Amino acid sequence: MAKAIVLEGFDGAGKSTLAKSLSDWLDRPVHTIGGPPANNFMAEVNCFQQWMKLNRSIIMDRCTPISRLCYEDHLPNWHVRSLHRWLNSFKSKALVIYCRPREFMHEPSLHDTPEHLERIHRDGRHIIRKYDALMDNVPHIKFDRFEQSEYYLRRGIMACL
């Protein structure tokens, strides 16, 4: 069975750069959600669309259930439960690579609004701590593009696919 590769982590951790490199190496297309969903309904739509692609040989640049749980602080309880259900279904069908920066840093991207950039600079360390806590419960390969060679990451990927 094909297994999707999901890249997750804080903004600027190198997910998109890694997605391009892995896409070239594995000859797999990259799926990106292109910024945060506008509301809870669109987050559910994104989760469903991503879930439908998990049995394909693709690389996902972000996964809505993970990102939403780390970036959003005031989600309704029903939505948090729904995101955890989606996340649990993703665990068995995807190889998660946690792009974890060694320290707080952010390289702005095209979809960053001024409000988002302000929040990232204000809450970045808090968001990274939320990622760390969530990833403690998600099987993953941890990758820091500044400290690790992609060669070792590729060996880990091959062992899991």
N, C-alpha and C. Protein backbone atom coordinates (compact mmCIF):
# COMPACT_ATOMS: atom_id res chain seq x y z
N MET A 1 0.84 -1.17 0.00
CA MET A 1 0.00 0.00 0.00
C MET A 1 0.89 1.25 0.00
N ALA A 2 0.51 2.23 -0.79
CA ALA A 2 1.24 3.49 -0.81
C ALA A 2 1.06 4.20 0.52
N LYS A 3 2.05 4.94 0.90
CA LYS A 3 1.99 5.67 2.15
C LYS A 3 2.38 7.12 1.88
N ALA A 4 1.52 8.03 2.29
CA ALA A 4 1.83 9.45 2.13
C ALA A 4 2.93 9.85 3.11
N ILE A 5 3.67 10.86 2.76
CA ILE A 5 4.64 11.46 3.65
C ILE A 5 4.08 12.83 4.03
N VAL A 6 3.94 13.07 5.33
CA VAL A 6 3.39 14.33 5.83
C VAL A 6 4.52 15.11 6.50
N LEU A 7 4.73 16.33 6.03
CA LEU A 7 5.73 17.21 6.63
C LEU A 7 5.01 18.23 7.51
N GLU A 8 5.41 18.31 8.75
CA GLU A 8 4.78 19.24 9.69
C GLU A 8 5.84 19.95 10.50
N GLY A 9 5.47 21.09 11.05
CA GLY A 9 6.36 21.85 11.91
C GLY A 9 6.07 23.33 11.82
N PHE A 10 6.77 24.06 12.63
CA PHE A 10 6.60 25.50 12.74
C PHE A 10 6.92 26.19 11.43
N ASP A 11 6.30 27.34 11.20
CA ASP A 11 6.58 28.14 10.01
C ASP A 11 8.08 28.40 9.88
N GLY A 12 8.60 28.23 8.68
CA GLY A 12 10.00 28.51 8.44
C GLY A 12 10.96 27.40 8.81
N ALA A 13 10.42 26.22 9.17
CA ALA A 13 11.28 25.11 9.59
C ALA A 13 11.86 24.34 8.41
N GLY A 14 11.45 24.67 7.19
CA GLY A 14 12.01 24.02 6.01
C GLY A 14 11.12 22.98 5.37
N LYS A 15 9.83 22.96 5.70
CA LYS A 15 8.92 21.95 5.15
C LYS A 15 8.82 22.02 3.63
N SER A 16 8.61 23.20 3.09
CA SER A 16 8.43 23.34 1.64
C SER A 16 9.72 23.01 0.89
N THR A 17 10.85 23.43 1.42
CA THR A 17 12.14 23.10 0.81
C THR A 17 12.36 21.59 0.82
N LEU A 18 12.06 20.97 1.96
CA LEU A 18 12.20 19.52 2.07
C LEU A 18 11.21 18.81 1.16
N ALA A 19 9.99 19.33 1.06
CA ALA A 19 8.98 18.71 0.18
C ALA A 19 9.49 18.67 -1.26
N LYS A 20 10.07 19.75 -1.73
CA LYS A 20 10.60 19.81 -3.10
C LYS A 20 11.73 18.80 -3.28
N SER A 21 12.63 18.73 -2.31
CA SER A 21 13.75 17.80 -2.40
C SER A 21 13.26 16.35 -2.41
N LEU A 22 12.34 16.02 -1.50
CA LEU A 22 11.81 14.65 -1.45
C LEU A 22 10.99 14.31 -2.68
N SER A 23 10.29 15.30 -3.21
CA SER A 23 9.51 15.09 -4.43
C SER A 23 10.42 14.71 -5.59
N ASP A 24 11.52 15.43 -5.72
CA ASP A 24 12.49 15.12 -6.79
C ASP A 24 13.11 13.74 -6.58
N TRP A 25 13.44 13.41 -5.35
CA TRP A 25 14.09 12.14 -5.03
C TRP A 25 13.15 10.96 -5.21
N LEU A 26 11.93 11.07 -4.71
CA LEU A 26 10.97 9.95 -4.73
C LEU A 26 10.02 9.98 -5.92
N ASP A 27 10.10 11.03 -6.71
CA ASP A 27 9.19 11.21 -7.85
C ASP A 27 7.73 11.15 -7.39
N ARG A 28 7.43 11.94 -6.36
CA ARG A 28 6.08 12.03 -5.82
C ARG A 28 5.61 13.48 -5.91
N PRO A 29 4.32 13.70 -6.19
CA PRO A 29 3.83 15.07 -6.20
C PRO A 29 3.69 15.62 -4.78
N VAL A 30 3.72 16.95 -4.67
CA VAL A 30 3.55 17.63 -3.39
C VAL A 30 2.14 18.20 -3.33
N HIS A 31 1.48 17.96 -2.22
CA HIS A 31 0.15 18.55 -1.96
C HIS A 31 0.32 19.57 -0.84
N THR A 32 -0.14 20.78 -1.08
CA THR A 32 -0.06 21.82 -0.05
C THR A 32 -1.43 22.42 0.16
N ILE A 33 -1.72 22.81 1.40
CA ILE A 33 -3.03 23.39 1.68
C ILE A 33 -3.02 24.90 1.51
N GLY A 34 -1.84 25.50 1.40
CA GLY A 34 -1.74 26.92 1.07
C GLY A 34 -2.24 27.88 2.13
N GLY A 35 -1.80 27.74 3.33
CA GLY A 35 -2.18 28.68 4.37
C GLY A 35 -3.28 28.14 5.26
N PRO A 36 -3.50 28.81 6.38
CA PRO A 36 -4.49 28.32 7.33
C PRO A 36 -5.91 28.42 6.79
N PRO A 37 -6.78 27.47 7.18
CA PRO A 37 -8.18 27.54 6.73
C PRO A 37 -8.87 28.76 7.34
N ALA A 38 -9.85 29.28 6.61
CA ALA A 38 -10.54 30.51 7.02
C ALA A 38 -11.42 30.31 8.24
N ASN A 39 -11.91 29.08 8.44
CA ASN A 39 -12.83 28.83 9.55
C ASN A 39 -12.84 27.34 9.86
N ASN A 40 -13.60 26.93 10.88
CA ASN A 40 -13.63 25.53 11.30
C ASN A 40 -14.20 24.63 10.21
N PHE A 41 -15.20 25.11 9.47
CA PHE A 41 -15.77 24.31 8.39
C PHE A 41 -14.71 24.00 7.33
N MET A 42 -13.96 25.03 6.92
CA MET A 42 -12.93 24.81 5.90
C MET A 42 -11.81 23.91 6.43
N ALA A 43 -11.55 23.96 7.73
CA ALA A 43 -10.57 23.05 8.32
C ALA A 43 -11.05 21.61 8.18
N GLU A 44 -12.33 21.37 8.43
CA GLU A 44 -12.90 20.02 8.27
C GLU A 44 -12.81 19.57 6.81
N VAL A 45 -13.09 20.48 5.89
CA VAL A 45 -12.98 20.16 4.45
C VAL A 45 -11.54 19.78 4.12
N ASN A 46 -10.58 20.58 4.61
CA ASN A 46 -9.16 20.28 4.36
C ASN A 46 -8.79 18.90 4.91
N CYS A 47 -9.26 18.60 6.14
CA CYS A 47 -8.96 17.29 6.75
C CYS A 47 -9.48 16.17 5.86
N PHE A 48 -10.71 16.30 5.40
CA PHE A 48 -11.30 15.25 4.55
C PHE A 48 -10.50 15.11 3.25
N GLN A 49 -10.18 16.23 2.60
CA GLN A 49 -9.42 16.16 1.34
C GLN A 49 -8.05 15.51 1.55
N GLN A 50 -7.39 15.86 2.66
CA GLN A 50 -6.09 15.27 2.93
C GLN A 50 -6.22 13.78 3.26
N TRP A 51 -7.23 13.42 4.03
CA TRP A 51 -7.45 12.03 4.39
C TRP A 51 -7.66 11.18 3.13
N MET A 52 -8.38 11.72 2.15
CA MET A 52 -8.64 10.99 0.90
C MET A 52 -7.36 10.75 0.11
N LYS A 53 -6.33 11.52 0.35
CA LYS A 53 -5.07 11.40 -0.39
C LYS A 53 -4.03 10.55 0.34
N LEU A 54 -4.35 10.06 1.54
CA LEU A 54 -3.34 9.36 2.33
C LEU A 54 -2.89 8.03 1.73
N ASN A 55 -3.72 7.39 0.93
CA ASN A 55 -3.33 6.12 0.33
C ASN A 55 -2.62 6.31 -1.00
N ARG A 56 -2.22 7.51 -1.29
CA ARG A 56 -1.50 7.81 -2.52
C ARG A 56 -0.03 8.09 -2.19
N SER A 57 0.79 7.93 -3.17
CA SER A 57 2.22 8.23 -3.00
C SER A 57 2.43 9.72 -3.21
N ILE A 58 2.11 10.49 -2.19
CA ILE A 58 2.27 11.94 -2.27
C ILE A 58 3.05 12.44 -1.06
N ILE A 59 3.45 13.68 -1.14
CA ILE A 59 4.09 14.38 -0.03
C ILE A 59 3.16 15.53 0.34
N MET A 60 2.76 15.59 1.60
CA MET A 60 1.89 16.67 2.07
C MET A 60 2.72 17.71 2.81
N ASP A 61 2.66 18.92 2.33
CA ASP A 61 3.33 20.04 2.99
C ASP A 61 2.32 20.64 3.96
N ARG A 62 2.29 20.10 5.14
CA ARG A 62 1.37 20.40 6.25
C ARG A 62 0.19 19.45 6.26
N CYS A 63 -0.33 19.29 7.46
CA CYS A 63 -1.49 18.43 7.72
C CYS A 63 -2.42 19.22 8.64
N THR A 64 -3.61 19.53 8.17
CA THR A 64 -4.52 20.40 8.90
C THR A 64 -4.74 19.99 10.36
N PRO A 65 -4.98 18.71 10.67
CA PRO A 65 -5.21 18.38 12.09
C PRO A 65 -4.03 18.75 12.99
N ILE A 66 -2.82 18.54 12.52
CA ILE A 66 -1.65 18.87 13.33
C ILE A 66 -1.48 20.38 13.44
N SER A 67 -1.47 21.06 12.31
CA SER A 67 -1.25 22.50 12.31
C SER A 67 -2.30 23.23 13.13
N ARG A 68 -3.53 22.86 12.93
CA ARG A 68 -4.64 23.55 13.62
C ARG A 68 -4.53 23.39 15.14
N LEU A 69 -4.19 22.18 15.58
CA LEU A 69 -4.06 21.94 17.02
C LEU A 69 -2.88 22.71 17.63
N CYS A 70 -1.88 23.02 16.83
CA CYS A 70 -0.71 23.73 17.35
C CYS A 70 -0.83 25.24 17.23
N TYR A 71 -1.46 25.72 16.18
CA TYR A 71 -1.53 27.16 15.96
C TYR A 71 -2.75 27.84 16.59
N GLU A 72 -3.81 27.09 16.80
CA GLU A 72 -5.04 27.70 17.32
C GLU A 72 -5.19 27.42 18.81
N ASP A 73 -5.50 28.45 19.57
CA ASP A 73 -5.64 28.30 21.02
C ASP A 73 -7.09 28.20 21.48
N HIS A 74 -8.02 28.75 20.74
CA HIS A 74 -9.40 28.85 21.23
C HIS A 74 -10.37 28.16 20.27
N LEU A 75 -10.16 26.88 20.04
CA LEU A 75 -11.05 26.12 19.18
C LEU A 75 -12.20 25.55 20.01
N PRO A 76 -13.39 25.45 19.41
CA PRO A 76 -14.50 24.81 20.14
C PRO A 76 -14.16 23.35 20.44
N ASN A 77 -14.67 22.83 21.55
CA ASN A 77 -14.38 21.44 21.95
C ASN A 77 -14.73 20.44 20.87
N TRP A 78 -15.86 20.63 20.18
CA TRP A 78 -16.26 19.69 19.14
C TRP A 78 -15.21 19.65 18.03
N HIS A 79 -14.61 20.80 17.73
CA HIS A 79 -13.62 20.85 16.65
C HIS A 79 -12.31 20.21 17.09
N VAL A 80 -11.92 20.41 18.34
CA VAL A 80 -10.71 19.76 18.86
C VAL A 80 -10.89 18.24 18.81
N ARG A 81 -12.05 17.74 19.25
CA ARG A 81 -12.31 16.29 19.19
C ARG A 81 -12.25 15.79 17.75
N SER A 82 -12.83 16.55 16.84
CA SER A 82 -12.83 16.16 15.43
C SER A 82 -11.40 16.12 14.88
N LEU A 83 -10.60 17.13 15.21
CA LEU A 83 -9.21 17.15 14.73
C LEU A 83 -8.42 15.97 15.27
N HIS A 84 -8.65 15.60 16.53
CA HIS A 84 -7.96 14.44 17.10
C HIS A 84 -8.41 13.15 16.41
N ARG A 85 -9.69 13.04 16.05
CA ARG A 85 -10.15 11.86 15.29
C ARG A 85 -9.45 11.79 13.95
N TRP A 86 -9.37 12.93 13.24
CA TRP A 86 -8.68 12.95 11.96
C TRP A 86 -7.22 12.56 12.14
N LEU A 87 -6.58 13.14 13.15
CA LEU A 87 -5.17 12.87 13.39
C LEU A 87 -4.93 11.39 13.66
N ASN A 88 -5.79 10.76 14.44
CA ASN A 88 -5.63 9.33 14.72
C ASN A 88 -5.76 8.50 13.46
N SER A 89 -6.62 8.90 12.53
CA SER A 89 -6.75 8.15 11.28
C SER A 89 -5.53 8.38 10.39
N PHE A 90 -4.87 9.53 10.51
CA PHE A 90 -3.68 9.83 9.70
C PHE A 90 -2.49 9.01 10.17
N LYS A 91 -2.40 8.77 11.47
CA LYS A 91 -1.21 8.13 12.05
C LYS A 91 -0.85 6.81 11.37
N SER A 92 -1.85 5.99 11.11
CA SER A 92 -1.57 4.66 10.56
C SER A 92 -1.35 4.68 9.06
N LYS A 93 -1.70 5.77 8.40
CA LYS A 93 -1.65 5.81 6.94
C LYS A 93 -0.54 6.68 6.38
N ALA A 94 0.20 7.36 7.25
CA ALA A 94 1.20 8.30 6.75
C ALA A 94 2.48 8.23 7.57
N LEU A 95 3.56 8.57 6.92
CA LEU A 95 4.84 8.75 7.58
C LEU A 95 4.94 10.25 7.88
N VAL A 96 5.01 10.60 9.15
CA VAL A 96 5.08 12.01 9.55
C VAL A 96 6.55 12.38 9.78
N ILE A 97 6.95 13.47 9.17
CA ILE A 97 8.27 14.04 9.41
C ILE A 97 8.06 15.37 10.09
N TYR A 98 8.57 15.47 11.31
CA TYR A 98 8.44 16.69 12.11
C TYR A 98 9.66 17.56 11.85
N CYS A 99 9.47 18.62 11.10
CA CYS A 99 10.53 19.57 10.83
C CYS A 99 10.63 20.51 12.02
N ARG A 100 11.58 20.21 12.88
CA ARG A 100 11.69 20.91 14.17
C ARG A 100 12.91 21.82 14.15
N PRO A 101 12.70 23.14 14.14
CA PRO A 101 13.86 24.03 14.19
C PRO A 101 14.52 23.96 15.56
N ARG A 102 15.83 24.11 15.59
CA ARG A 102 16.55 24.04 16.86
C ARG A 102 16.24 25.23 17.75
N GLU A 103 15.77 26.32 17.15
CA GLU A 103 15.41 27.51 17.91
C GLU A 103 14.32 28.25 17.15
N PHE A 104 13.74 29.23 17.81
CA PHE A 104 12.69 30.00 17.18
C PHE A 104 13.26 30.81 16.02
N MET A 105 12.67 30.63 14.86
CA MET A 105 13.03 31.41 13.68
C MET A 105 11.83 31.36 12.74
N HIS A 106 11.72 32.33 11.88
CA HIS A 106 10.62 32.32 10.92
C HIS A 106 11.05 33.04 9.66
N GLU A 107 10.88 32.34 8.54
CA GLU A 107 11.14 32.94 7.23
C GLU A 107 9.78 33.18 6.60
N PRO A 108 9.37 34.43 6.39
CA PRO A 108 8.03 34.73 5.85
C PRO A 108 7.79 34.05 4.50
N SER A 109 6.53 33.67 4.29
CA SER A 109 6.13 33.07 3.01
C SER A 109 5.05 33.92 2.37
N LEU A 110 4.65 33.56 1.17
CA LEU A 110 3.70 34.36 0.40
C LEU A 110 2.35 34.52 1.07
N HIS A 111 1.89 33.50 1.79
CA HIS A 111 0.55 33.57 2.38
C HIS A 111 0.54 34.21 3.76
N ASP A 112 1.67 34.68 4.26
CA ASP A 112 1.73 35.31 5.58
C ASP A 112 1.11 36.71 5.54
N THR A 113 0.10 36.90 6.35
CA THR A 113 -0.50 38.23 6.50
C THR A 113 0.26 38.98 7.59
N PRO A 114 0.13 40.30 7.64
CA PRO A 114 0.77 41.04 8.74
C PRO A 114 0.31 40.55 10.12
N GLU A 115 -0.97 40.20 10.23
CA GLU A 115 -1.49 39.68 11.50
C GLU A 115 -0.83 38.36 11.88
N HIS A 116 -0.66 37.49 10.88
CA HIS A 116 -0.04 36.19 11.13
C HIS A 116 1.43 36.38 11.56
N LEU A 117 2.13 37.24 10.85
CA LEU A 117 3.54 37.49 11.19
C LEU A 117 3.67 38.04 12.61
N GLU A 118 2.77 38.94 12.99
CA GLU A 118 2.81 39.48 14.35
C GLU A 118 2.58 38.37 15.36
N ARG A 119 1.62 37.49 15.08
CA ARG A 119 1.33 36.38 16.00
C ARG A 119 2.51 35.42 16.09
N ILE A 120 3.13 35.12 14.96
CA ILE A 120 4.27 34.21 14.95
C ILE A 120 5.40 34.75 15.83
N HIS A 121 5.68 36.03 15.69
CA HIS A 121 6.76 36.61 16.49
C HIS A 121 6.38 36.71 17.97
N ARG A 122 5.11 36.91 18.25
CA ARG A 122 4.67 37.01 19.64
C ARG A 122 4.58 35.63 20.30
N ASP A 123 4.04 34.61 19.57
CA ASP A 123 3.71 33.32 20.17
C ASP A 123 4.54 32.15 19.65
N GLY A 124 5.60 32.43 18.89
CA GLY A 124 6.35 31.36 18.23
C GLY A 124 6.85 30.27 19.16
N ARG A 125 7.43 30.64 20.26
CA ARG A 125 7.96 29.62 21.18
C ARG A 125 6.84 28.77 21.78
N HIS A 126 5.71 29.40 22.07
CA HIS A 126 4.54 28.69 22.59
C HIS A 126 4.03 27.67 21.55
N ILE A 127 3.98 28.07 20.31
CA ILE A 127 3.52 27.18 19.23
C ILE A 127 4.47 26.00 19.09
N ILE A 128 5.77 26.25 19.13
CA ILE A 128 6.75 25.16 19.03
C ILE A 128 6.58 24.19 20.19
N ARG A 129 6.33 24.70 21.41
CA ARG A 129 6.09 23.81 22.56
C ARG A 129 4.84 22.96 22.34
N LYS A 130 3.81 23.54 21.72
CA LYS A 130 2.60 22.76 21.41
C LYS A 130 2.91 21.67 20.38
N TYR A 131 3.72 22.00 19.38
CA TYR A 131 4.15 20.98 18.41
C TYR A 131 4.90 19.86 19.12
N ASP A 132 5.85 20.22 19.98
CA ASP A 132 6.63 19.21 20.69
C ASP A 132 5.72 18.28 21.49
N ALA A 133 4.75 18.85 22.21
CA ALA A 133 3.84 18.05 23.03
C ALA A 133 2.97 17.15 22.16
N LEU A 134 2.46 17.66 21.05
CA LEU A 134 1.63 16.85 20.16
C LEU A 134 2.45 15.73 19.52
N MET A 135 3.66 16.05 19.09
CA MET A 135 4.49 15.06 18.43
C MET A 135 4.96 13.96 19.38
N ASP A 136 4.90 14.21 20.69
CA ASP A 136 5.18 13.14 21.65
C ASP A 136 4.20 11.99 21.51
N ASN A 137 3.03 12.26 20.90
CA ASN A 137 1.98 11.24 20.74
C ASN A 137 1.76 10.82 19.29
N VAL A 138 2.62 11.25 18.40
CA VAL A 138 2.50 10.92 16.98
C VAL A 138 3.79 10.26 16.53
N PRO A 139 3.72 9.03 16.01
CA PRO A 139 4.95 8.42 15.47
C PRO A 139 5.51 9.31 14.35
N HIS A 140 6.78 9.63 14.41
CA HIS A 140 7.36 10.54 13.43
C HIS A 140 8.87 10.38 13.35
N ILE A 141 9.42 10.99 12.31
CA ILE A 141 10.86 11.18 12.19
C ILE A 141 11.10 12.67 12.40
N LYS A 142 12.02 13.00 13.29
CA LYS A 142 12.33 14.40 13.58
C LYS A 142 13.46 14.85 12.68
N PHE A 143 13.33 16.06 12.12
CA PHE A 143 14.36 16.56 11.21
C PHE A 143 14.58 18.05 11.44
N ASP A 144 15.85 18.43 11.62
CA ASP A 144 16.26 19.83 11.72
C ASP A 144 17.23 20.07 10.57
N ARG A 145 16.79 20.84 9.61
CA ARG A 145 17.58 21.05 8.39
C ARG A 145 18.94 21.70 8.65
N PHE A 146 19.11 22.35 9.81
CA PHE A 146 20.38 23.00 10.12
C PHE A 146 21.35 22.07 10.84
N GLU A 147 20.83 21.01 11.43
CA GLU A 147 21.70 20.13 12.21
C GLU A 147 21.86 18.74 11.62
N GLN A 148 20.99 18.35 10.72
CA GLN A 148 21.03 16.99 10.20
C GLN A 148 21.21 16.99 8.69
N SER A 149 21.86 15.97 8.21
CA SER A 149 22.00 15.77 6.78
C SER A 149 20.74 15.11 6.25
N GLU A 150 20.32 15.56 5.09
CA GLU A 150 19.15 14.94 4.47
C GLU A 150 19.42 13.47 4.13
N TYR A 151 20.67 13.11 3.98
CA TYR A 151 21.04 11.72 3.70
C TYR A 151 20.49 10.79 4.78
N TYR A 152 20.65 11.16 6.06
CA TYR A 152 20.17 10.32 7.15
C TYR A 152 18.65 10.30 7.22
N LEU A 153 18.03 11.42 6.89
CA LEU A 153 16.57 11.46 6.83
C LEU A 153 16.07 10.50 5.74
N ARG A 154 16.71 10.50 4.60
CA ARG A 154 16.29 9.61 3.51
C ARG A 154 16.44 8.15 3.90
N ARG A 155 17.48 7.82 4.65
CA ARG A 155 17.63 6.44 5.12
C ARG A 155 16.49 6.07 6.04
N GLY A 156 16.09 6.98 6.92
CA GLY A 156 14.95 6.74 7.82
C GLY A 156 13.65 6.59 7.05
N ILE A 157 13.48 7.39 6.02
CA ILE A 157 12.28 7.30 5.19
C ILE A 157 12.21 5.94 4.52
N MET A 158 13.31 5.51 3.92
CA MET A 158 13.33 4.22 3.22
C MET A 158 13.01 3.07 4.17
N ALA A 159 13.42 3.17 5.41
CA ALA A 159 13.14 2.12 6.38
C ALA A 159 11.65 2.07 6.75
N CYS A 160 10.95 3.20 6.57
CA CYS A 160 9.53 3.26 6.97
C CYS A 160 8.56 3.05 5.81
N LEU A 161 8.99 3.21 4.60
CA LEU A 161 8.06 3.09 3.46
C LEU A 161 7.91 1.66 2.99
